Amino acid sequence: MQKAAPCRGLGRLVLSAAQLMITKCNLPWPGFRKKTCSMGGNRFSSAGWLLRHVRKSDMALLLCCAFALGCSLLAGWIGDAQPLVAPTVTMRQWPVLFLPLFLWLAWVIFLMIRRKYEKPLKVVWRLLRRDPLWLIRAMLILAVMSVAAPAYSIFKLQIPHIIPFYADDAIIRIEAALFGQDPWRLTHAVFGMRGTVVLDRLYIVWFPVSAFLVTWSIMTRDRVFQARAIATILFVWFVLGNFVALALSSCGPVYYEHFYGDDRFAPLMDTLRAYHAQANIKAVAVSDWLISDEAQGKLGTGISAMPSVHVGMTFVTWLLVQSRIGWKNPMSAILAVYVALIWIASVHLAWHYWLDGLVSIVGAALFWKATGYFLQPERKVRATALGESEPHAPEIPDGSMAVEAGRTA
C-alpha cells in the first residue's frame, strides 16, 4: 500500500486538531462551530472555513507587505525623507492610483458584453461574493505598494552616496574576457539605425507591460499565484534593484565617462547621438534627463546599472504568463522573445552591461522557484482535505472562467 505524502498527513493532523479545539472550546465566532455554513453556494465545515481563510499564502502576503513597508522606512531614513507617506495625488492622478481596479472592472465588463450576459451588475456581485475577502486583500496590497513604491527610487538615488560607483571596471573586464570585446559592438554590428529605433521603442513598451504585470498580480483571485507574484516583484524591486545594486554599485556605459572620466564608451554614445539626431532615440533624451535631475528625487529617477530591473521585471512577466498557460504556448514564446530583445536593448542603448541582465534573470528565476517550493504544496494539501479533484487549478479562476462562474453561481 502506498504511504500518504507527509504534507497530506500533516494537513489532516492540523485539521483534526483545529476541529477538536474549536468544538471543545465552543468558540463564538460564526463559522468556527462544528455546524456547516454556506457561502457562494458551497457548503463547508469549520475546518474548511479555516483552510479557506488561514493559509501560508496569506502569511506570505503579510510578510511581503511588512517587507515593503520596512523598505520604505529604511529608504526614508537613508534619504532623509518622510517615510510611509504616499505622494501627493491630484484629481487627475486618482484614476492612476486605482488603475488595477478599473482595469479589472473593464475586463470583466468586456467579457460580459462579448458573451451577451444579462444583468452584469449581478454577475459582478456574485464574483465578489464567491471570495468576499478578495477585494479587501487587493486594495490592501495596492495601498501598500503605492506607499512603498517611492522607496525604490529614494534608495536608488542614495546608492552612489553610500557606496560610490566602483564595479564597472570589473564588469567590463569580465565581459571582455567572455566576448572578446565589449558586447555593444556585437549588437551594433547587427542592428543599424532602424534596428536601434525598434529596440528603443520596445524598451519604452516595458512601462505598460510592467503596469499590466502589477495589475494582474494585485487583482488575481488565486491567492497562491498572487503571493508568489507580489513577492517576486518586491524581490526584483528592493532586493535586486536596491540592495544588490548597492553592493555592486555601478553606473553603466551611458554614464561611464561622466563618473570615471574614461572615454571607453564614447564611440557607443556618439553612435546613439547620431541616430538620435535623425530618428529621435528616446534613450538618449531620457539619459540626459536622468543625469540632470539626479538630485531631485523624482519617482523613476536614480542611476544604477547592476543588476537590471528593466530586464528583471520583463522576465518576471514571462514567468507569470508561462506558469499560467505553459511555456509551449505561442504567447509564452512571444514574451520570451520580448525578454531577449529587452536584454539586447539594455546593452545596445548603453543602459546596462550584459551581465546586469544575466544577474536579474538568474536571481528572479531562483526566487520564483523558491516561492513555488514554499507555497505550491498548500494547494495540494487543501485540495486533499476539501475533497477537490483538481489541486493544481486556481481555487477561484480569473478571466472568462471567473465571469462564467459568476453568471452560473
Protein backbone atom coordinates (compact mmCIF):
# COMPACT_ATOMS: atom_id res chain seq x y z
CA MET A 1 0.00 0.00 0.00
CA GLN A 2 1.35 3.41 -0.93
CA LYS A 3 2.08 5.64 2.01
CA ALA A 4 0.41 9.03 2.28
CA ALA A 5 2.52 12.02 1.45
CA PRO A 6 3.96 13.77 4.54
CA CYS A 7 2.29 17.06 3.66
CA ARG A 8 -1.06 15.28 3.29
CA GLY A 9 -0.75 13.61 6.67
CA LEU A 10 0.33 16.85 8.28
CA GLY A 11 -2.63 18.66 6.76
CA ARG A 12 -5.09 16.10 8.15
CA LEU A 13 -3.42 16.25 11.55
CA VAL A 14 -3.72 20.03 11.65
CA LEU A 15 -7.36 19.80 10.53
CA SER A 16 -8.24 17.30 13.23
CA ALA A 17 -6.52 19.35 15.92
CA ALA A 18 -8.26 22.52 14.77
CA GLN A 19 -11.68 20.84 14.72
CA LEU A 20 -11.15 19.38 18.20
CA MET A 21 -10.02 22.72 19.64
CA ILE A 22 -12.90 24.63 18.04
CA THR A 23 -15.51 22.09 19.18
CA LYS A 24 -14.21 21.76 22.75
CA CYS A 25 -13.68 25.47 23.28
CA ASN A 26 -17.05 26.29 21.69
CA LEU A 27 -15.68 29.43 20.05
CA PRO A 28 -18.39 32.05 19.43
CA TRP A 29 -17.07 33.26 16.02
CA PRO A 30 -19.62 32.37 13.28
CA GLY A 31 -18.40 29.59 11.07
CA PHE A 32 -15.99 28.19 13.66
CA ARG A 33 -18.53 25.76 15.09
CA LYS A 34 -18.97 22.19 14.14
CA LYS A 35 -22.04 23.04 12.14
CA THR A 36 -21.73 23.88 8.48
CA CYS A 37 -22.35 27.23 6.85
CA SER A 38 -22.94 28.39 3.31
CA MET A 39 -21.19 31.00 1.19
CA GLY A 40 -21.49 31.39 -2.57
CA GLY A 41 -23.45 28.16 -2.88
CA ASN A 42 -20.67 25.98 -1.43
CA ARG A 43 -21.17 24.30 1.94
CA PHE A 44 -18.14 23.60 4.05
CA SER A 45 -17.32 22.70 7.63
CA SER A 46 -15.46 24.78 10.20
CA ALA A 47 -12.23 23.08 9.17
CA GLY A 48 -12.93 24.02 5.56
CA TRP A 49 -13.51 27.61 6.66
CA LEU A 50 -10.15 27.54 8.41
CA LEU A 51 -8.42 26.19 5.31
CA ARG A 52 -10.07 28.77 3.08
CA HIS A 53 -9.15 31.76 5.22
CA VAL A 54 -5.88 30.96 7.01
CA ARG A 55 -3.04 29.77 4.81
CA LYS A 56 0.60 30.14 4.00
CA SER A 57 -0.23 32.39 1.04
CA ASP A 58 -1.93 34.86 3.40
CA MET A 59 1.07 34.81 5.70
CA ALA A 60 3.35 35.31 2.70
CA LEU A 61 1.35 38.36 1.60
CA LEU A 62 1.53 39.81 5.12
CA LEU A 63 5.29 39.28 5.11
CA CYS A 64 5.50 40.97 1.70
CA CYS A 65 3.57 43.98 2.98
CA ALA A 66 5.76 44.18 6.09
CA PHE A 67 8.88 43.92 3.95
CA ALA A 68 7.69 46.67 1.59
CA LEU A 69 6.84 48.99 4.46
CA GLY A 70 10.16 48.20 6.11
CA CYS A 71 11.98 49.15 2.91
CA SER A 72 10.00 52.38 2.86
CA LEU A 73 11.12 53.17 6.42
CA LEU A 74 14.73 52.33 5.55
CA ALA A 75 14.67 54.44 2.40
CA GLY A 76 13.12 57.36 4.27
CA TRP A 77 15.80 57.15 6.93
CA ILE A 78 18.64 56.90 4.40
CA GLY A 79 17.28 59.60 2.12
CA ASP A 80 16.24 61.92 4.97
CA ALA A 81 12.69 61.83 3.62
CA GLN A 82 9.34 61.28 5.30
CA PRO A 83 8.63 57.52 5.06
CA LEU A 84 5.31 55.72 4.65
CA VAL A 85 3.66 58.76 3.08
CA ALA A 86 2.05 58.38 -0.31
CA PRO A 87 2.95 61.03 -2.90
CA THR A 88 0.57 63.97 -3.26
CA VAL A 89 -2.20 62.86 -5.59
CA THR A 90 -4.16 65.36 -7.68
CA MET A 91 -7.66 64.81 -9.04
CA ARG A 92 -6.20 63.78 -12.40
CA GLN A 93 -3.90 61.23 -10.75
CA TRP A 94 -6.53 59.42 -8.68
CA PRO A 95 -7.60 57.22 -11.63
CA VAL A 96 -3.98 56.11 -11.99
CA LEU A 97 -3.83 55.10 -8.33
CA PHE A 98 -6.88 52.86 -8.76
CA LEU A 99 -5.84 51.68 -12.21
CA PRO A 100 -5.72 47.96 -11.25
CA LEU A 101 -9.35 48.03 -10.04
CA PHE A 102 -10.53 49.95 -13.12
CA LEU A 103 -8.71 47.56 -15.46
CA TRP A 104 -10.26 44.54 -13.73
CA LEU A 105 -13.76 46.02 -13.99
CA ALA A 106 -13.19 46.92 -17.65
CA TRP A 107 -12.00 43.38 -18.40
CA VAL A 108 -14.99 41.78 -16.67
CA ILE A 109 -17.47 44.11 -18.42
CA PHE A 110 -15.79 43.43 -21.77
CA LEU A 111 -16.16 39.68 -21.28
CA MET A 112 -19.80 40.02 -20.27
CA ILE A 113 -20.62 42.20 -23.28
CA ARG A 114 -18.79 39.82 -25.59
CA ARG A 115 -20.75 36.86 -24.24
CA LYS A 116 -24.00 38.85 -24.14
CA TYR A 117 -24.68 38.21 -20.48
CA GLU A 118 -27.70 39.78 -18.85
CA LYS A 119 -27.60 41.65 -15.52
CA PRO A 120 -23.85 42.43 -15.46
CA LEU A 121 -24.00 44.01 -12.00
CA LYS A 122 -25.43 40.80 -10.62
CA VAL A 123 -22.54 38.87 -12.15
CA VAL A 124 -20.01 41.23 -10.57
CA TRP A 125 -21.76 40.88 -7.19
CA ARG A 126 -21.62 37.09 -7.43
CA LEU A 127 -17.92 37.25 -8.26
CA LEU A 128 -17.30 39.34 -5.16
CA ARG A 129 -19.48 37.07 -3.02
CA ARG A 130 -17.55 33.95 -4.04
CA ASP A 131 -14.48 35.39 -2.30
CA PRO A 132 -15.55 38.28 -0.04
CA LEU A 133 -12.01 38.95 1.15
CA TRP A 134 -10.58 39.22 -2.37
CA LEU A 135 -11.33 42.91 -2.93
CA ILE A 136 -10.15 43.85 0.57
CA ARG A 137 -6.94 41.90 0.03
CA ALA A 138 -6.35 43.50 -3.38
CA MET A 139 -6.94 47.05 -2.14
CA LEU A 140 -4.67 46.46 0.85
CA ILE A 141 -1.86 45.28 -1.43
CA LEU A 142 -2.46 48.23 -3.76
CA ALA A 143 -2.25 50.69 -0.84
CA VAL A 144 0.96 49.15 0.50
CA MET A 145 2.66 49.11 -2.90
CA SER A 146 1.56 52.69 -3.63
CA VAL A 147 3.07 53.87 -0.34
CA ALA A 148 6.26 51.80 -0.67
CA ALA A 149 6.94 52.29 -4.40
CA PRO A 150 8.71 55.68 -3.97
CA ALA A 151 11.14 53.95 -1.59
CA TYR A 152 12.73 52.17 -4.55
CA SER A 153 13.73 55.46 -6.20
CA ILE A 154 14.67 57.14 -2.93
CA PHE A 155 17.05 54.30 -2.11
CA LYS A 156 18.38 54.16 -5.67
CA LEU A 157 19.23 57.86 -5.57
CA GLN A 158 21.37 57.29 -2.48
CA ILE A 159 23.43 54.39 -3.88
CA PRO A 160 26.39 56.46 -5.17
CA HIS A 161 26.41 58.48 -1.94
CA ILE A 162 26.57 55.35 0.25
CA ILE A 163 28.96 53.33 -1.96
CA PRO A 164 30.45 55.33 -4.86
CA PHE A 165 30.37 53.57 -8.24
CA TYR A 166 33.22 51.08 -8.35
CA ALA A 167 32.10 47.80 -10.00
CA ASP A 168 32.04 48.96 -13.65
CA ASP A 169 35.69 48.17 -14.35
CA ALA A 170 35.37 44.60 -13.02
CA ILE A 171 32.20 44.01 -15.04
CA ILE A 172 33.84 45.38 -18.19
CA ARG A 173 36.84 43.08 -17.77
CA ILE A 174 34.66 40.00 -17.26
CA GLU A 175 32.57 40.78 -20.36
CA ALA A 176 35.66 41.46 -22.45
CA ALA A 177 37.00 38.05 -21.42
CA LEU A 178 33.68 36.36 -22.29
CA PHE A 179 33.01 38.08 -25.64
CA GLY A 180 36.49 39.15 -26.68
CA GLN A 181 35.23 42.75 -26.84
CA ASP A 182 32.51 44.96 -25.41
CA PRO A 183 29.10 43.32 -26.15
CA TRP A 184 27.63 46.57 -27.54
CA ARG A 185 29.97 46.29 -30.54
CA LEU A 186 28.33 42.97 -31.41
CA THR A 187 24.78 44.34 -31.19
CA HIS A 188 25.63 47.44 -33.25
CA ALA A 189 27.20 45.22 -35.89
CA VAL A 190 23.79 43.53 -36.26
CA PHE A 191 21.34 46.40 -35.68
CA GLY A 192 21.71 49.59 -37.68
CA MET A 193 19.76 52.79 -37.17
CA ARG A 194 16.37 51.18 -37.95
CA GLY A 195 17.09 48.30 -35.62
CA THR A 196 18.11 50.76 -32.93
CA VAL A 197 14.81 52.62 -33.31
CA VAL A 198 12.88 49.34 -32.95
CA LEU A 199 14.83 48.34 -29.83
CA ASP A 200 14.37 51.83 -28.40
CA ARG A 201 10.58 51.70 -28.85
CA LEU A 202 10.39 48.17 -27.44
CA TYR A 203 12.30 49.35 -24.40
CA ILE A 204 9.64 52.02 -23.80
CA VAL A 205 6.84 49.43 -24.10
CA TRP A 206 8.27 47.97 -20.88
CA PHE A 207 6.33 50.55 -18.83
CA PRO A 208 2.80 49.43 -19.86
CA VAL A 209 3.98 45.81 -19.66
CA SER A 210 5.06 46.40 -16.06
CA ALA A 211 1.74 48.12 -15.32
CA PHE A 212 -0.04 45.03 -16.65
CA LEU A 213 2.18 42.80 -14.51
CA VAL A 214 1.48 44.70 -11.29
CA THR A 215 -2.25 44.96 -12.08
CA TRP A 216 -2.53 41.23 -12.73
CA SER A 217 -0.60 40.41 -9.56
CA ILE A 218 -2.81 42.62 -7.40
CA MET A 219 -6.20 41.69 -8.87
CA THR A 220 -5.80 37.95 -9.42
CA ARG A 221 -8.21 35.78 -7.42
CA ASP A 222 -5.73 32.92 -6.95
CA ARG A 223 -4.07 33.51 -3.59
CA VAL A 224 -1.06 31.26 -4.15
CA PHE A 225 -0.33 32.84 -7.53
CA GLN A 226 -0.88 36.31 -6.05
CA ALA A 227 1.52 35.72 -3.16
CA ARG A 228 4.23 34.38 -5.49
CA ALA A 229 3.79 37.25 -7.95
CA ILE A 230 3.84 40.05 -5.35
CA ALA A 231 6.80 38.50 -3.53
CA THR A 232 8.80 38.20 -6.76
CA ILE A 233 8.02 41.76 -7.85
CA LEU A 234 9.15 43.12 -4.48
CA PHE A 235 12.25 40.91 -4.68
CA VAL A 236 13.20 42.44 -8.04
CA TRP A 237 12.44 45.97 -6.86
CA PHE A 238 14.11 46.04 -3.49
CA VAL A 239 16.49 43.09 -3.19
CA LEU A 240 17.90 43.22 -6.72
CA GLY A 241 17.18 46.84 -7.58
CA ASN A 242 18.32 48.32 -4.26
CA PHE A 243 20.38 46.00 -2.05
CA VAL A 244 22.29 44.08 -4.75
CA ALA A 245 22.66 47.33 -6.69
CA LEU A 246 24.20 48.90 -3.60
CA ALA A 247 26.63 46.01 -3.13
CA LEU A 248 27.62 46.11 -6.84
CA SER A 249 27.46 49.88 -7.24
CA SER A 250 27.84 50.71 -10.94
CA CYS A 251 26.63 53.40 -13.33
CA GLY A 252 26.56 51.62 -16.69
CA PRO A 253 28.10 52.52 -20.07
CA VAL A 254 25.88 55.58 -20.56
CA TYR A 255 27.40 57.39 -17.56
CA TYR A 256 30.82 55.74 -17.51
CA GLU A 257 32.67 58.78 -18.86
CA HIS A 258 30.75 61.14 -16.58
CA PHE A 259 31.69 59.32 -13.36
CA TYR A 260 35.04 57.73 -14.28
CA GLY A 261 36.46 60.27 -16.75
CA ASP A 262 37.21 57.43 -19.20
CA ASP A 263 36.05 57.67 -22.84
CA ARG A 264 35.88 53.88 -23.38
CA PHE A 265 32.19 54.09 -24.35
CA ALA A 266 32.44 57.39 -26.23
CA PRO A 267 32.05 55.62 -29.63
CA LEU A 268 28.83 53.99 -28.41
CA MET A 269 27.40 57.28 -27.17
CA ASP A 270 28.48 59.10 -30.36
CA THR A 271 26.67 56.48 -32.45
CA LEU A 272 23.49 56.75 -30.38
CA ARG A 273 23.54 60.55 -30.53
CA ALA A 274 23.99 60.43 -34.30
CA TYR A 275 20.93 58.16 -34.54
CA HIS A 276 19.08 60.46 -32.15
CA ALA A 277 19.65 63.44 -34.46
CA GLN A 278 17.89 61.55 -37.25
CA ALA A 279 15.31 59.34 -35.53
CA ASN A 280 14.71 60.72 -32.00
CA ILE A 281 16.13 57.91 -29.87
CA LYS A 282 14.24 58.15 -26.59
CA ALA A 283 17.05 56.51 -24.60
CA VAL A 284 19.37 59.44 -25.32
CA ALA A 285 16.81 62.01 -24.19
CA VAL A 286 15.95 60.05 -21.03
CA SER A 287 19.62 59.56 -20.11
CA ASP A 288 20.21 63.31 -20.35
CA TRP A 289 17.13 63.90 -18.18
CA LEU A 290 18.24 61.40 -15.53
CA ILE A 291 21.68 62.91 -15.11
CA SER A 292 20.28 66.45 -14.95
CA ASP A 293 17.56 65.58 -12.39
CA GLU A 294 19.63 63.13 -10.35
CA ALA A 295 19.40 65.13 -7.13
CA GLN A 296 15.66 65.92 -7.28
CA GLY A 297 14.46 62.53 -6.06
CA LYS A 298 11.60 62.13 -8.53
CA LEU A 299 9.88 58.77 -8.84
CA GLY A 300 11.62 56.75 -11.53
CA THR A 301 14.95 58.58 -11.29
CA GLY A 302 18.25 57.40 -9.93
CA ILE A 303 21.29 55.86 -11.58
CA SER A 304 22.28 52.23 -11.12
CA ALA A 305 23.26 49.56 -13.64
CA MET A 306 23.91 46.22 -11.92
CA PRO A 307 21.52 44.41 -11.88
CA SER A 308 18.91 45.43 -14.46
CA VAL A 309 15.41 45.90 -13.02
CA HIS A 310 14.18 46.52 -16.57
CA VAL A 311 15.23 43.03 -17.65
CA GLY A 312 14.21 41.50 -14.33
CA MET A 313 10.62 42.77 -14.43
CA THR A 314 10.22 41.71 -18.07
CA PHE A 315 11.45 38.24 -17.18
CA VAL A 316 9.00 38.08 -14.23
CA THR A 317 6.19 38.85 -16.69
CA TRP A 318 7.24 35.82 -18.73
CA LEU A 319 7.45 33.68 -15.57
CA LEU A 320 3.89 34.56 -14.58
CA VAL A 321 2.45 34.02 -18.04
CA GLN A 322 4.16 30.69 -18.67
CA SER A 323 3.16 29.46 -15.20
CA ARG A 324 -0.47 30.01 -16.24
CA ILE A 325 -0.53 28.87 -19.87
CA GLY A 326 2.61 26.75 -20.18
CA TRP A 327 5.91 27.50 -21.85
CA LYS A 328 4.83 25.82 -25.10
CA ASN A 329 2.01 28.31 -25.67
CA PRO A 330 2.68 30.83 -28.51
CA MET A 331 2.15 33.74 -26.12
CA SER A 332 4.90 32.41 -23.87
CA ALA A 333 7.19 32.18 -26.89
CA ILE A 334 6.39 35.77 -27.90
CA LEU A 335 7.14 37.01 -24.39
CA ALA A 336 10.38 35.02 -24.29
CA VAL A 337 11.48 36.79 -27.49
CA TYR A 338 10.47 40.11 -25.92
CA VAL A 339 12.61 39.36 -22.84
CA ALA A 340 15.57 38.59 -25.13
CA LEU A 341 15.05 41.83 -27.08
CA ILE A 342 14.83 43.90 -23.88
CA TRP A 343 18.07 42.31 -22.70
CA ILE A 344 19.74 43.13 -26.02
CA ALA A 345 18.29 46.66 -25.99
CA SER A 346 19.63 47.31 -22.48
CA VAL A 347 23.14 46.70 -23.83
CA HIS A 348 22.59 48.25 -27.26
CA LEU A 349 21.20 51.52 -25.83
CA ALA A 350 24.06 51.81 -23.29
CA TRP A 351 21.83 51.46 -20.23
CA HIS A 352 23.38 48.25 -18.92
CA TYR A 353 26.14 45.73 -19.25
CA TRP A 354 25.29 42.25 -20.48
CA LEU A 355 25.93 40.80 -17.02
CA ASP A 356 23.34 43.15 -15.49
CA GLY A 357 20.53 41.31 -17.27
CA LEU A 358 22.01 37.89 -16.50
CA VAL A 359 22.11 38.57 -12.75
CA SER A 360 18.49 39.78 -12.81
CA ILE A 361 17.22 36.78 -14.74
CA VAL A 362 19.05 34.24 -12.59
CA GLY A 363 18.02 35.97 -9.35
CA ALA A 364 14.34 36.28 -10.34
CA ALA A 365 14.22 32.67 -11.59
CA LEU A 366 15.71 31.26 -8.38
CA PHE A 367 13.39 33.31 -6.17
CA TRP A 368 10.31 32.34 -8.21
CA LYS A 369 11.30 28.69 -7.87
CA ALA A 370 11.76 29.09 -4.11
CA THR A 371 8.28 30.59 -3.71
CA GLY A 372 6.92 27.59 -5.58
CA TYR A 373 8.54 25.15 -3.17
CA PHE A 374 7.08 27.09 -0.24
CA LEU A 375 3.54 27.81 -1.49
CA GLN A 376 2.58 25.21 -4.10
CA PRO A 377 2.21 22.31 -1.58
CA GLU A 378 -0.54 24.37 0.08
CA ARG A 379 -2.79 23.89 -2.93
CA LYS A 380 -2.38 20.12 -2.88
CA VAL A 381 -2.92 19.80 0.89
CA ARG A 382 -6.04 21.96 0.80
CA ALA A 383 -7.44 20.14 -2.21
CA THR A 384 -6.96 16.77 -0.49
CA ALA A 385 -8.57 17.95 2.74
CA LEU A 386 -11.53 19.54 0.98
CA GLY A 387 -12.06 16.67 -1.45
CA GLU A 388 -11.27 18.67 -4.59
CA SER A 389 -10.33 16.79 -7.74
CA GLU A 390 -8.00 19.31 -9.45
CA PRO A 391 -5.50 20.52 -6.87
CA HIS A 392 -3.39 22.45 -9.39
CA ALA A 393 -6.25 24.53 -10.78
CA PRO A 394 -6.89 28.02 -9.38
CA GLU A 395 -9.35 27.93 -6.49
CA ILE A 396 -11.31 30.87 -7.92
CA PRO A 397 -10.45 31.37 -11.60
CA ASP A 398 -9.63 34.61 -13.37
CA GLY A 399 -10.80 35.98 -16.69
CA SER A 400 -13.56 34.32 -18.68
CA MET A 401 -13.79 31.32 -16.31
CA ALA A 402 -14.47 33.67 -13.41
CA VAL A 403 -17.17 35.52 -15.33
CA GLU A 404 -18.84 32.23 -16.27
CA ALA A 405 -18.67 31.12 -12.62
CA GLY A 406 -20.27 34.41 -11.54
CA ARG A 407 -23.06 34.01 -14.06
CA THR A 408 -23.92 30.44 -13.05
CA ALA A 409 -23.44 30.83 -9.28
